[in-house]
Amino acid sequence: MQPGKLNLITDVPGLRVGNADDERLRSGVTVLVPDGEMVASVDSRGGGTGSREFDLLRPEATVQSVNAIVLSGGSAFGLDSAGGVMAGLREKGIGYRAGASIVPIVPAAILFDLNNGGDKNWGDASPYPTLGRTAYEAASDDFRLGNAGAGFGANAGGYKGGLGSASVRVADDGPTVGALVAVNAVGAVTYPTSGAFFAWASEAAGEFGGVMPVSEDRGSAVDMPKLAGPRENTTIGIVATDAALTKSQCRQFAIMAHQGLTRAIRPANTPFDGDVVFGVSTGIRPLADPVRDLATLGAHAADCLARAVARGVFEAESQGQSVSYREKFGFPCRTS
């Protein structure tokens, strides 16, 4: 298993990512933008999902491609960030064409970060449309992880949460699979004794510290934070490939990728979470065997998403009362 050049979802050809965040607000937005066509579907689980344009992503729905996907903090207020992205796309003439009209198609999912200590008293003018527009305009191949974008104000299983990403080349001459995730889970992400990430077995090149579990970590224990409340936690993510997938195949791709959340977070998909995984394809590489190849891509997507979850927490820095994994276990803090 070899990560792509950047070990980011943007190793998938034809994709860019933009982040925008506000330190005072302690929230932010992340946008995935394709260079051309992007087919997408979604798999939504958990009890507190906040979403936009999900019905359009059903395989039987008419519109086949989307123009961007938004991951945002801010709970339901964060759904407004898609409007800012739409404005940027429309200005460039990008969107679904209906006669003389252009309607950018921008699905979105949100996480709850309203009670993290940031200043949420923005009055009548929500900051999220502007954050969405700024994130869209910042889209590039390289982008920040940890305290960035939709992960800026996130918390995860007792640590500071964050934005994570990872990628893998399926073969030397094969497709690339990538994952992008904002980790704000109610469940734990590490073993209790060693501090090893649950995703440790999928780790590539020490990307989240290389800590391995110990025998004392064995056993089955569920540790639910006492202050967790309904709809206050969510992990929202995207898995992508340059293999050519239909909407129906993108849906299956996302379903398989959801296993990555259950490997990396315990428990996941709870009544407290609104866990969402989008599956997207840039359609560059045809599948030789549509069934077998899709199964292989989905398996890699699950591993990639699990790695991205761990990276999101590992790359985060302490914020307010939220202590980072790096601080607790003595890893050097990032300089940027």
C-alpha atoms as a PDB file:
ATOM      1  CA  MET A   1       0.000   0.000   0.000  1.00  0.00           C
ATOM      2  CA  GLN A   2       1.504   3.307  -1.092  1.00  0.00           C
ATOM      3  CA  PRO A   3      -0.068   6.699  -0.334  1.00  0.00           C
ATOM      4  CA  GLY A   4      -0.195   9.223  -3.145  1.00  0.00           C
ATOM      5  CA  LYS A   5       2.338  12.020  -3.452  1.00  0.00           C
ATOM      6  CA  LEU A   6       0.625  14.336  -0.931  1.00  0.00           C
ATOM      7  CA  ASN A   7      -1.263  11.649   1.016  1.00  0.00           C
ATOM      8  CA  LEU A   8      -4.380  13.775   0.525  1.00  0.00           C
ATOM      9  CA  ILE A   9      -7.672  13.296  -1.299  1.00  0.00           C
ATOM     10  CA  THR A  10      -6.299  15.650  -3.956  1.00  0.00           C
ATOM     11  CA  ASP A  11      -3.953  12.863  -5.085  1.00  0.00           C
ATOM     12  CA  VAL A  12      -7.072  11.737  -6.965  1.00  0.00           C
ATOM     13  CA  PRO A  13      -6.636  13.537 -10.311  1.00  0.00           C
ATOM     14  CA  GLY A  14      -9.154  16.295 -10.963  1.00  0.00           C
ATOM     15  CA  LEU A  15      -9.889  17.288  -7.353  1.00  0.00           C
ATOM     16  CA  ARG A  16      -9.010  20.317  -5.229  1.00  0.00           C
ATOM     17  CA  VAL A  17      -9.848  21.212  -1.611  1.00  0.00           C
ATOM     18  CA  GLY A  18     -10.292  24.617   0.013  1.00  0.00           C
ATOM     19  CA  ASN A  19     -10.499  25.508   3.704  1.00  0.00           C
ATOM     20  CA  ALA A  20     -11.751  28.609   5.466  1.00  0.00           C
ATOM     21  CA  ASP A  21     -12.016  29.056   9.232  1.00  0.00           C
ATOM     22  CA  ASP A  22     -12.454  31.712  11.879  1.00  0.00           C
ATOM     23  CA  GLU A  23     -10.520  31.512  15.154  1.00  0.00           C
ATOM     24  CA  ARG A  24     -12.953  33.763  17.030  1.00  0.00           C
ATOM     25  CA  LEU A  25     -15.901  31.727  15.783  1.00  0.00           C
ATOM     26  CA  ARG A  26     -14.054  28.408  16.305  1.00  0.00           C
ATOM     27  CA  SER A  27     -15.642  26.984  13.214  1.00  0.00           C
ATOM     28  CA  GLY A  28     -14.969  26.606   9.531  1.00  0.00           C
ATOM     29  CA  VAL A  29     -15.797  25.149   6.129  1.00  0.00           C
ATOM     30  CA  THR A  30     -14.111  22.704   3.768  1.00  0.00           C
ATOM     31  CA  VAL A  31     -15.022  22.422   0.084  1.00  0.00           C
ATOM     32  CA  LEU A  32     -14.158  19.676  -2.409  1.00  0.00           C
ATOM     33  CA  VAL A  33     -14.097  21.060  -5.949  1.00  0.00           C
ATOM     34  CA  PRO A  34     -13.681  19.071  -9.184  1.00  0.00           C
ATOM     35  CA  ASP A  35     -11.825  20.378 -12.209  1.00  0.00           C
ATOM     36  CA  GLY A  36     -14.492  18.842 -14.445  1.00  0.00           C
ATOM     37  CA  GLU A  37     -17.334  16.357 -13.973  1.00  0.00           C
ATOM     38  CA  MET A  38     -17.811  14.687 -10.578  1.00  0.00           C
ATOM     39  CA  VAL A  39     -20.387  11.931 -10.087  1.00  0.00           C
ATOM     40  CA  ALA A  40     -21.504  11.591  -6.461  1.00  0.00           C
ATOM     41  CA  SER A  41     -23.771   9.732  -4.094  1.00  0.00           C
ATOM     42  CA  VAL A  42     -23.955   9.443  -0.301  1.00  0.00           C
ATOM     43  CA  ASP A  43     -24.447   7.045   2.600  1.00  0.00           C
ATOM     44  CA  SER A  44     -25.922   8.672   5.703  1.00  0.00           C
ATOM     45  CA  ARG A  45     -26.079   6.973   9.120  1.00  0.00           C
ATOM     46  CA  GLY A  46     -26.554   7.941  12.749  1.00  0.00           C
ATOM     47  CA  GLY A  47     -29.281   9.844  14.518  1.00  0.00           C
ATOM     48  CA  GLY A  48     -28.445  13.511  13.934  1.00  0.00           C
ATOM     49  CA  THR A  49     -27.625  14.141  10.281  1.00  0.00           C
ATOM     50  CA  GLY A  50     -27.727  17.679   8.904  1.00  0.00           C
ATOM     51  CA  SER A  51     -27.684  17.796   5.119  1.00  0.00           C
ATOM     52  CA  ARG A  52     -28.432  19.589   1.859  1.00  0.00           C
ATOM     53  CA  GLU A  53     -29.254  18.115  -1.596  1.00  0.00           C
ATOM     54  CA  PHE A  54     -29.107  14.496  -0.393  1.00  0.00           C
ATOM     55  CA  ASP A  55     -32.234  13.489  -2.348  1.00  0.00           C
ATOM     56  CA  LEU A  56     -30.520  14.610  -5.537  1.00  0.00           C
ATOM     57  CA  LEU A  57     -27.716  12.117  -4.801  1.00  0.00           C
ATOM     58  CA  ARG A  58     -30.061   9.124  -4.937  1.00  0.00           C
ATOM     59  CA  PRO A  59     -29.008   6.894  -7.857  1.00  0.00           C
ATOM     60  CA  GLU A  60     -32.408   7.276  -9.531  1.00  0.00           C
ATOM     61  CA  ALA A  61     -32.358  11.094  -9.386  1.00  0.00           C
ATOM     62  CA  THR A  62     -32.007  12.908 -12.721  1.00  0.00           C
ATOM     63  CA  VAL A  63     -28.927  15.095 -12.161  1.00  0.00           C
ATOM     64  CA  GLN A  64     -25.828  12.922 -12.524  1.00  0.00           C
ATOM     65  CA  SER A  65     -22.944  15.169 -11.472  1.00  0.00           C
ATOM     66  CA  VAL A  66     -22.284  17.760  -8.786  1.00  0.00           C
ATOM     67  CA  ASN A  67     -20.144  20.900  -8.854  1.00  0.00           C
ATOM     68  CA  ALA A  68     -18.758  20.840  -5.305  1.00  0.00           C
ATOM     69  CA  ILE A  69     -19.306  19.158  -1.941  1.00  0.00           C
ATOM     70  CA  VAL A  70     -19.261  21.093   1.331  1.00  0.00           C
ATOM     71  CA  LEU A  71     -18.305  19.900   4.806  1.00  0.00           C
ATOM     72  CA  SER A  72     -19.075  22.548   7.419  1.00  0.00           C
ATOM     73  CA  GLY A  73     -19.168  23.304  11.098  1.00  0.00           C
ATOM     74  CA  GLY A  74     -21.978  25.380  12.549  1.00  0.00           C
ATOM     75  CA  SER A  75     -24.700  22.740  12.798  1.00  0.00           C
ATOM     76  CA  ALA A  76     -27.708  23.687  10.629  1.00  0.00           C
ATOM     77  CA  PHE A  77     -26.363  27.233  10.256  1.00  0.00           C
ATOM     78  CA  GLY A  78     -23.403  25.749   8.407  1.00  0.00           C
ATOM     79  CA  LEU A  79     -25.650  24.601   5.577  1.00  0.00           C
ATOM     80  CA  ASP A  80     -25.652  28.258   4.468  1.00  0.00           C
ATOM     81  CA  SER A  81     -22.012  27.805   3.442  1.00  0.00           C
ATOM     82  CA  ALA A  82     -23.170  25.958   0.330  1.00  0.00           C
ATOM     83  CA  GLY A  83     -24.817  29.203  -0.797  1.00  0.00           C
ATOM     84  CA  GLY A  84     -21.457  30.949  -0.768  1.00  0.00           C
ATOM     85  CA  VAL A  85     -19.948  28.142  -2.840  1.00  0.00           C
ATOM     86  CA  MET A  86     -22.865  28.340  -5.264  1.00  0.00           C
ATOM     87  CA  ALA A  87     -22.255  32.055  -5.718  1.00  0.00           C
ATOM     88  CA  GLY A  88     -18.634  31.450  -6.620  1.00  0.00           C
ATOM     89  CA  LEU A  89     -19.502  28.675  -9.049  1.00  0.00           C
ATOM     90  CA  ARG A  90     -22.289  30.658 -10.711  1.00  0.00           C
ATOM     91  CA  GLU A  91     -19.962  33.609 -11.204  1.00  0.00           C
ATOM     92  CA  LYS A  92     -17.736  31.297 -13.249  1.00  0.00           C
ATOM     93  CA  GLY A  93     -20.669  29.883 -15.223  1.00  0.00           C
ATOM     94  CA  ILE A  94     -20.428  26.462 -13.570  1.00  0.00           C
ATOM     95  CA  GLY A  95     -23.576  24.508 -12.767  1.00  0.00           C
ATOM     96  CA  TYR A  96     -26.566  22.604 -14.049  1.00  0.00           C
ATOM     97  CA  ARG A  97     -27.970  24.365 -17.097  1.00  0.00           C
ATOM     98  CA  ALA A  98     -31.729  24.734 -17.388  1.00  0.00           C
ATOM     99  CA  GLY A  99     -32.393  26.922 -20.387  1.00  0.00           C
ATOM    100  CA  ALA A 100     -30.756  30.281 -19.747  1.00  0.00           C
ATOM    101  CA  SER A 101     -30.308  29.539 -16.040  1.00  0.00           C
ATOM    102  CA  ILE A 102     -27.273  28.084 -14.281  1.00  0.00           C
ATOM    103  CA  VAL A 103     -27.811  26.256 -10.987  1.00  0.00           C
ATOM    104  CA  PRO A 104     -24.658  24.986  -9.263  1.00  0.00           C
ATOM    105  CA  ILE A 105     -25.248  21.635  -7.535  1.00  0.00           C
ATOM    106  CA  VAL A 106     -23.594  21.690  -4.108  1.00  0.00           C
ATOM    107  CA  PRO A 107     -24.508  18.972  -1.592  1.00  0.00           C
ATOM    108  CA  ALA A 108     -23.441  19.658   1.986  1.00  0.00           C
ATOM    109  CA  ALA A 109     -23.189  17.993   5.397  1.00  0.00           C
ATOM    110  CA  ILE A 110     -22.586  19.657   8.746  1.00  0.00           C
ATOM    111  CA  LEU A 111     -21.238  18.891  12.206  1.00  0.00           C
ATOM    112  CA  PHE A 112     -22.126  20.433  15.567  1.00  0.00           C
ATOM    113  CA  ASP A 113     -19.506  22.796  17.022  1.00  0.00           C
ATOM    114  CA  LEU A 114     -21.755  25.476  18.524  1.00  0.00           C
ATOM    115  CA  ASN A 115     -20.824  24.787  22.169  1.00  0.00           C
ATOM    116  CA  ASN A 116     -17.033  24.741  21.809  1.00  0.00           C
ATOM    117  CA  GLY A 117     -16.382  28.158  23.364  1.00  0.00           C
ATOM    118  CA  GLY A 118     -16.269  30.216  20.195  1.00  0.00           C
ATOM    119  CA  ASP A 119     -18.223  33.437  19.710  1.00  0.00           C
ATOM    120  CA  LYS A 120     -21.425  32.379  17.958  1.00  0.00           C
ATOM    121  CA  ASN A 121     -23.292  35.663  18.497  1.00  0.00           C
ATOM    122  CA  TRP A 122     -23.234  36.732  14.861  1.00  0.00           C
ATOM    123  CA  GLY A 123     -26.685  38.330  14.892  1.00  0.00           C
ATOM    124  CA  ASP A 124     -28.674  38.331  11.647  1.00  0.00           C
ATOM    125  CA  ALA A 125     -25.674  37.859   9.335  1.00  0.00           C
ATOM    126  CA  SER A 126     -24.474  34.247   9.371  1.00  0.00           C
ATOM    127  CA  PRO A 127     -20.736  33.973   8.663  1.00  0.00           C
ATOM    128  CA  TYR A 128     -21.101  30.692   6.806  1.00  0.00           C
ATOM    129  CA  PRO A 129     -21.896  31.937   3.270  1.00  0.00           C
ATOM    130  CA  THR A 130     -18.713  34.017   3.367  1.00  0.00           C
ATOM    131  CA  LEU A 131     -16.704  31.108   4.782  1.00  0.00           C
ATOM    132  CA  GLY A 132     -18.061  28.883   2.016  1.00  0.00           C
ATOM    133  CA  ARG A 133     -17.126  31.365  -0.701  1.00  0.00           C
ATOM    134  CA  THR A 134     -13.659  31.846   0.809  1.00  0.00           C
ATOM    135  CA  ALA A 135     -13.066  28.093   1.017  1.00  0.00           C
ATOM    136  CA  TYR A 136     -14.151  27.647  -2.597  1.00  0.00           C
ATOM    137  CA  GLU A 137     -11.787  30.371  -3.782  1.00  0.00           C
ATOM    138  CA  ALA A 138      -8.918  28.816  -1.783  1.00  0.00           C
ATOM    139  CA  ALA A 139      -9.274  25.367  -3.387  1.00  0.00           C
ATOM    140  CA  SER A 140      -5.932  23.830  -4.347  1.00  0.00           C
ATOM    141  CA  ASP A 141      -4.035  20.538  -4.455  1.00  0.00           C
ATOM    142  CA  ASP A 142      -2.453  21.080  -1.031  1.00  0.00           C
ATOM    143  CA  PHE A 143      -4.323  22.057   2.120  1.00  0.00           C
ATOM    144  CA  ARG A 144      -4.049  22.065   5.911  1.00  0.00           C
ATOM    145  CA  LEU A 145      -5.175  19.274   8.231  1.00  0.00           C
ATOM    146  CA  GLY A 146      -6.097  19.285  11.928  1.00  0.00           C
ATOM    147  CA  ASN A 147      -7.425  22.674  13.059  1.00  0.00           C
ATOM    148  CA  ALA A 148      -8.594  23.631   9.592  1.00  0.00           C
ATOM    149  CA  GLY A 149     -11.818  24.102   7.677  1.00  0.00           C
ATOM    150  CA  ALA A 150     -14.737  22.030   8.928  1.00  0.00           C
ATOM    151  CA  GLY A 151     -12.471  20.440  11.533  1.00  0.00           C
ATOM    152  CA  PHE A 152     -11.360  23.744  13.050  1.00  0.00           C
ATOM    153  CA  GLY A 153     -13.671  23.597  16.078  1.00  0.00           C
ATOM    154  CA  ALA A 154     -14.267  19.842  16.206  1.00  0.00           C
ATOM    155  CA  ASN A 155     -13.773  17.510  19.172  1.00  0.00           C
ATOM    156  CA  ALA A 156     -13.382  13.757  19.026  1.00  0.00           C
ATOM    157  CA  GLY A 157     -13.594  11.106  21.716  1.00  0.00           C
ATOM    158  CA  GLY A 158     -11.992  13.223  24.433  1.00  0.00           C
ATOM    159  CA  TYR A 159      -9.398  14.905  22.188  1.00  0.00           C
ATOM    160  CA  LYS A 160      -9.386  17.926  19.937  1.00  0.00           C
ATOM    161  CA  GLY A 161     -10.835  16.743  16.637  1.00  0.00           C
ATOM    162  CA  GLY A 162      -9.911  17.984  13.215  1.00  0.00           C
ATOM    163  CA  LEU A 163      -9.732  17.642   9.462  1.00  0.00           C
ATOM    164  CA  GLY A 164      -8.015  14.528   8.128  1.00  0.00           C
ATOM    165  CA  SER A 165      -7.144  13.153   4.731  1.00  0.00           C
ATOM    166  CA  ALA A 166      -5.310  10.207   3.186  1.00  0.00           C
ATOM    167  CA  SER A 167      -4.800   8.521  -0.172  1.00  0.00           C
ATOM    168  CA  VAL A 168      -3.613   5.258  -1.709  1.00  0.00           C
ATOM    169  CA  ARG A 169      -2.547   4.071  -5.148  1.00  0.00           C
ATOM    170  CA  VAL A 170      -4.413   0.817  -5.754  1.00  0.00           C
ATOM    171  CA  ALA A 171      -1.633  -0.371  -8.112  1.00  0.00           C
ATOM    172  CA  ASP A 172       1.341   1.145  -9.934  1.00  0.00           C
ATOM    173  CA  ASP A 173      -0.799   1.761 -12.988  1.00  0.00           C
ATOM    174  CA  GLY A 174      -4.187   1.640 -11.277  1.00  0.00           C
ATOM    175  CA  PRO A 175      -6.667   4.146  -9.876  1.00  0.00           C
ATOM    176  CA  THR A 176      -6.167   6.322  -6.810  1.00  0.00           C
ATOM    177  CA  VAL A 177      -8.487   6.364  -3.801  1.00  0.00           C
ATOM    178  CA  GLY A 178      -8.595   9.285  -1.376  1.00  0.00           C
ATOM    179  CA  ALA A 179     -10.505  10.293   1.748  1.00  0.00           C
ATOM    180  CA  LEU A 180     -11.336  13.600   3.433  1.00  0.00           C
ATOM    181  CA  VAL A 181     -13.032  13.785   6.834  1.00  0.00           C
ATOM    182  CA  ALA A 182     -13.960  16.224   9.597  1.00  0.00           C
ATOM    183  CA  VAL A 183     -13.822  14.270  12.862  1.00  0.00           C
ATOM    184  CA  ASN A 184     -16.230  15.394  15.580  1.00  0.00           C
ATOM    185  CA  ALA A 185     -17.159  11.972  16.955  1.00  0.00           C
ATOM    186  CA  VAL A 186     -18.754  11.152  20.294  1.00  0.00           C
ATOM    187  CA  GLY A 187     -16.947   7.798  20.249  1.00  0.00           C
ATOM    188  CA  ALA A 188     -13.327   7.124  21.177  1.00  0.00           C
ATOM    189  CA  VAL A 189     -10.585   7.034  18.534  1.00  0.00           C
ATOM    190  CA  THR A 190      -7.796   5.429  20.598  1.00  0.00           C
ATOM    191  CA  TYR A 191      -7.178   2.437  22.850  1.00  0.00           C
ATOM    192  CA  PRO A 192      -7.408   3.340  26.537  1.00  0.00           C
ATOM    193  CA  THR A 193      -3.953   2.256  27.733  1.00  0.00           C
ATOM    194  CA  SER A 194      -1.466   2.678  24.890  1.00  0.00           C
ATOM    195  CA  GLY A 195      -3.126   5.612  23.161  1.00  0.00           C
ATOM    196  CA  ALA A 196      -2.773   3.779  19.850  1.00  0.00           C
ATOM    197  CA  PHE A 197      -5.380   4.737  17.293  1.00  0.00           C
ATOM    198  CA  PHE A 198      -7.997   2.115  16.534  1.00  0.00           C
ATOM    199  CA  ALA A 199      -6.930   2.576  12.905  1.00  0.00           C
ATOM    200  CA  TRP A 200      -3.309   1.620  13.701  1.00  0.00           C
ATOM    201  CA  ALA A 201      -3.301  -1.489  11.487  1.00  0.00           C
ATOM    202  CA  SER A 202      -3.966   0.631   8.381  1.00  0.00           C
ATOM    203  CA  GLU A 203      -1.311   3.272   9.125  1.00  0.00           C
ATOM    204  CA  ALA A 204       1.090   4.166   6.323  1.00  0.00           C
ATOM    205  CA  ALA A 205       4.593   5.527   6.968  1.00  0.00           C
ATOM    206  CA  GLY A 206       3.938   6.680  10.535  1.00  0.00           C
ATOM    207  CA  GLU A 207       1.317   9.169   9.382  1.00  0.00           C
ATOM    208  CA  PHE A 208      -0.335   9.293  12.806  1.00  0.00           C
ATOM    209  CA  GLY A 209       2.516   8.549  15.170  1.00  0.00           C
ATOM    210  CA  GLY A 210       3.174   4.839  14.788  1.00  0.00           C
ATOM    211  CA  VAL A 211       1.887   3.967  18.279  1.00  0.00           C
ATOM    212  CA  MET A 212       0.846   0.314  18.578  1.00  0.00           C
ATOM    213  CA  PRO A 213      -1.641  -1.236  21.008  1.00  0.00           C
ATOM    214  CA  VAL A 214      -0.493  -3.270  24.013  1.00  0.00           C
ATOM    215  CA  SER A 215      -1.986  -6.332  25.685  1.00  0.00           C
ATOM    216  CA  GLU A 216      -3.670  -4.170  28.337  1.00  0.00           C
ATOM    217  CA  ASP A 217      -5.797  -2.600  25.590  1.00  0.00           C
ATOM    218  CA  ARG A 218      -7.633  -5.879  25.037  1.00  0.00           C
ATOM    219  CA  GLY A 219     -11.243  -6.303  26.013  1.00  0.00           C
ATOM    220  CA  SER A 220     -14.583  -4.835  25.095  1.00  0.00           C
ATOM    221  CA  ALA A 221     -15.453  -1.565  26.785  1.00  0.00           C
ATOM    222  CA  VAL A 222     -17.734   1.246  25.690  1.00  0.00           C
ATOM    223  CA  ASP A 223     -16.869   4.635  27.148  1.00  0.00           C
ATOM    224  CA  MET A 224     -19.467   7.268  26.277  1.00  0.00           C
ATOM    225  CA  PRO A 225     -18.626  10.862  27.276  1.00  0.00           C
ATOM    226  CA  LYS A 226     -21.002  12.006  30.001  1.00  0.00           C
ATOM    227  CA  LEU A 227     -21.770  15.362  28.376  1.00  0.00           C
ATOM    228  CA  ALA A 228     -22.688  14.022  24.940  1.00  0.00           C
ATOM    229  CA  GLY A 229     -26.069  15.179  23.717  1.00  0.00           C
ATOM    230  CA  PRO A 230     -28.252  14.391  20.699  1.00  0.00           C
ATOM    231  CA  ARG A 231     -27.012  15.949  17.439  1.00  0.00           C
ATOM    232  CA  GLU A 232     -23.894  17.397  19.096  1.00  0.00           C
ATOM    233  CA  ASN A 233     -21.409  15.087  17.379  1.00  0.00           C
ATOM    234  CA  THR A 234     -20.826  13.963  13.816  1.00  0.00           C
ATOM    235  CA  THR A 235     -18.114  12.652  11.522  1.00  0.00           C
ATOM    236  CA  ILE A 236     -18.583  13.823   7.940  1.00  0.00           C
ATOM    237  CA  GLY A 237     -16.397  12.647   5.107  1.00  0.00           C
ATOM    238  CA  ILE A 238     -15.812  12.043   1.420  1.00  0.00           C
ATOM    239  CA  VAL A 239     -14.141   9.159  -0.380  1.00  0.00           C
ATOM    240  CA  ALA A 240     -13.062   9.706  -3.968  1.00  0.00           C
ATOM    241  CA  THR A 241     -11.526   7.862  -6.885  1.00  0.00           C
ATOM    242  CA  ASP A 242     -10.538   8.561 -10.466  1.00  0.00           C
ATOM    243  CA  ALA A 243     -12.074   5.228 -11.489  1.00  0.00           C
ATOM    244  CA  ALA A 244     -15.212   5.735 -13.574  1.00  0.00           C
ATOM    245  CA  LEU A 245     -18.232   5.030 -11.354  1.00  0.00           C
ATOM    246  CA  THR A 246     -21.945   5.550 -11.878  1.00  0.00           C
ATOM    247  CA  LYS A 247     -24.094   7.155  -9.174  1.00  0.00           C
ATOM    248  CA  SER A 248     -25.199   3.698  -8.064  1.00  0.00           C
ATOM    249  CA  GLN A 249     -21.591   2.570  -7.850  1.00  0.00           C
ATOM    250  CA  CYS A 250     -20.653   5.736  -5.955  1.00  0.00           C
ATOM    251  CA  ARG A 251     -23.339   4.861  -3.429  1.00  0.00           C
ATOM    252  CA  GLN A 252     -21.888   1.350  -2.961  1.00  0.00           C
ATOM    253  CA  PHE A 253     -18.411   2.892  -2.748  1.00  0.00           C
ATOM    254  CA  ALA A 254     -19.620   5.140   0.108  1.00  0.00           C
ATOM    255  CA  ILE A 255     -21.393   2.246   1.860  1.00  0.00           C
ATOM    256  CA  MET A 256     -18.189   0.184   1.908  1.00  0.00           C
ATOM    257  CA  ALA A 257     -16.166   3.203   3.010  1.00  0.00           C
ATOM    258  CA  HIS A 258     -18.394   3.610   6.077  1.00  0.00           C
ATOM    259  CA  GLN A 259     -16.635   0.562   7.506  1.00  0.00           C
ATOM    260  CA  GLY A 260     -13.629   2.851   7.909  1.00  0.00           C
ATOM    261  CA  LEU A 261     -15.543   4.937  10.442  1.00  0.00           C
ATOM    262  CA  THR A 262     -16.469   1.874  12.487  1.00  0.00           C
ATOM    263  CA  ARG A 263     -12.828   0.735  12.456  1.00  0.00           C
ATOM    264  CA  ALA A 264     -11.496   4.118  13.558  1.00  0.00           C
ATOM    265  CA  ILE A 265     -14.231   5.267  15.986  1.00  0.00           C
ATOM    266  CA  ARG A 266     -15.886   3.222  18.752  1.00  0.00           C
ATOM    267  CA  PRO A 267     -18.806   3.500  18.807  1.00  0.00           C
ATOM    268  CA  ALA A 268     -19.737   5.122  15.505  1.00  0.00           C
ATOM    269  CA  ASN A 269     -23.128   5.793  13.867  1.00  0.00           C
ATOM    270  CA  THR A 270     -24.721   6.426  17.274  1.00  0.00           C
ATOM    271  CA  PRO A 271     -27.940   8.348  18.026  1.00  0.00           C
ATOM    272  CA  PHE A 272     -25.634  11.237  19.016  1.00  0.00           C
ATOM    273  CA  ASP A 273     -23.875  11.339  15.623  1.00  0.00           C
ATOM    274  CA  GLY A 274     -25.006  12.254  12.118  1.00  0.00           C
ATOM    275  CA  ASP A 275     -22.284  10.324  10.325  1.00  0.00           C
ATOM    276  CA  VAL A 276     -22.162  10.883   6.556  1.00  0.00           C
ATOM    277  CA  VAL A 277     -19.865   9.602   3.807  1.00  0.00           C
ATOM    278  CA  PHE A 278     -20.053  10.915   0.237  1.00  0.00           C
ATOM    279  CA  GLY A 279     -18.697   8.731  -2.557  1.00  0.00           C
ATOM    280  CA  VAL A 280     -17.391  10.556  -5.641  1.00  0.00           C
ATOM    281  CA  SER A 281     -15.778   9.714  -8.968  1.00  0.00           C
ATOM    282  CA  THR A 282     -13.917  11.901 -11.441  1.00  0.00           C
ATOM    283  CA  GLY A 283     -14.491   9.230 -14.096  1.00  0.00           C
ATOM    284  CA  ILE A 284     -11.022   9.152 -15.649  1.00  0.00           C
ATOM    285  CA  ARG A 285     -10.253   5.403 -15.538  1.00  0.00           C
ATOM    286  CA  PRO A 286     -12.793   2.848 -16.826  1.00  0.00           C
ATOM    287  CA  LEU A 287     -13.326  -0.275 -14.732  1.00  0.00           C
ATOM    288  CA  ALA A 288     -12.107  -3.513 -16.311  1.00  0.00           C
ATOM    289  CA  ASP A 289     -14.435  -5.610 -14.121  1.00  0.00           C
ATOM    290  CA  PRO A 290     -17.251  -3.402 -12.738  1.00  0.00           C
ATOM    291  CA  VAL A 291     -18.168  -5.721  -9.853  1.00  0.00           C
ATOM    292  CA  ARG A 292     -14.767  -6.951  -8.702  1.00  0.00           C
ATOM    293  CA  ASP A 293     -13.040  -3.597  -9.229  1.00  0.00           C
ATOM    294  CA  LEU A 294     -15.750  -1.757  -7.290  1.00  0.00           C
ATOM    295  CA  ALA A 295     -15.345  -4.164  -4.373  1.00  0.00           C
ATOM    296  CA  THR A 296     -11.587  -3.547  -4.379  1.00  0.00           C
ATOM    297  CA  LEU A 297     -12.038   0.227  -4.506  1.00  0.00           C
ATOM    298  CA  GLY A 298     -14.532   0.116  -1.632  1.00  0.00           C
ATOM    299  CA  ALA A 299     -12.141  -1.913   0.515  1.00  0.00           C
ATOM    300  CA  HIS A 300      -9.362   0.617  -0.090  1.00  0.00           C
ATOM    301  CA  ALA A 301     -11.795   3.469   0.634  1.00  0.00           C
ATOM    302  CA  ALA A 302     -12.618   1.987   4.056  1.00  0.00           C
ATOM    303  CA  ASP A 303      -8.915   1.761   4.952  1.00  0.00           C
ATOM    304  CA  CYS A 304      -8.290   5.262   3.598  1.00  0.00           C
ATOM    305  CA  LEU A 305     -11.140   6.759   5.592  1.00  0.00           C
ATOM    306  CA  ALA A 306      -9.965   5.067   8.799  1.00  0.00           C
ATOM    307  CA  ARG A 307      -6.489   6.531   8.232  1.00  0.00           C
ATOM    308  CA  ALA A 308      -7.964   9.961   7.531  1.00  0.00           C
ATOM    309  CA  VAL A 309      -9.903   9.879  10.822  1.00  0.00           C
ATOM    310  CA  ALA A 310      -6.740   9.135  12.780  1.00  0.00           C
ATOM    311  CA  ARG A 311      -4.777  11.810  10.882  1.00  0.00           C
ATOM    312  CA  GLY A 312      -7.484  14.386  11.596  1.00  0.00           C
ATOM    313  CA  VAL A 313      -7.104  13.851  15.336  1.00  0.00           C
ATOM    314  CA  PHE A 314      -3.312  13.424  15.223  1.00  0.00           C
ATOM    315  CA  GLU A 315      -2.786  16.658  13.265  1.00  0.00           C
ATOM    316  CA  ALA A 316      -5.052  18.758  15.504  1.00  0.00           C
ATOM    317  CA  GLU A 317      -3.694  21.227  18.062  1.00  0.00           C
ATOM    318  CA  SER A 318      -5.125  22.014  21.508  1.00  0.00           C
ATOM    319  CA  GLN A 319      -7.860  24.645  21.499  1.00  0.00           C
ATOM    320  CA  GLY A 320      -9.423  26.131  24.624  1.00  0.00           C
ATOM    321  CA  GLN A 321     -10.382  23.272  26.930  1.00  0.00           C
ATOM    322  CA  SER A 322      -9.847  20.688  24.171  1.00  0.00           C
ATOM    323  CA  VAL A 323      -6.483  18.955  24.576  1.00  0.00           C
ATOM    324  CA  SER A 324      -4.876  17.545  21.460  1.00  0.00           C
ATOM    325  CA  TYR A 325      -3.628  13.998  21.035  1.00  0.00           C
ATOM    326  CA  ARG A 326      -0.165  15.371  20.283  1.00  0.00           C
ATOM    327  CA  GLU A 327      -0.019  17.334  23.528  1.00  0.00           C
ATOM    328  CA  LYS A 328      -1.244  14.450  25.654  1.00  0.00           C
ATOM    329  CA  PHE A 329       1.219  11.943  24.221  1.00  0.00           C
ATOM    330  CA  GLY A 330       4.195  14.259  23.819  1.00  0.00           C
ATOM    331  CA  PHE A 331       4.406  14.604  20.045  1.00  0.00           C
ATOM    332  CA  PRO A 332       5.882  17.917  18.847  1.00  0.00           C
ATOM    333  CA  CYS A 333       3.331  20.607  18.046  1.00  0.00           C
ATOM    334  CA  ARG A 334       3.001  21.703  14.426  1.00  0.00           C
ATOM    335  CA  THR A 335       4.406  25.085  13.492  1.00  0.00           C
ATOM    336  CA  SER A 336       1.661  25.807  10.948  1.00  0.00           C
END
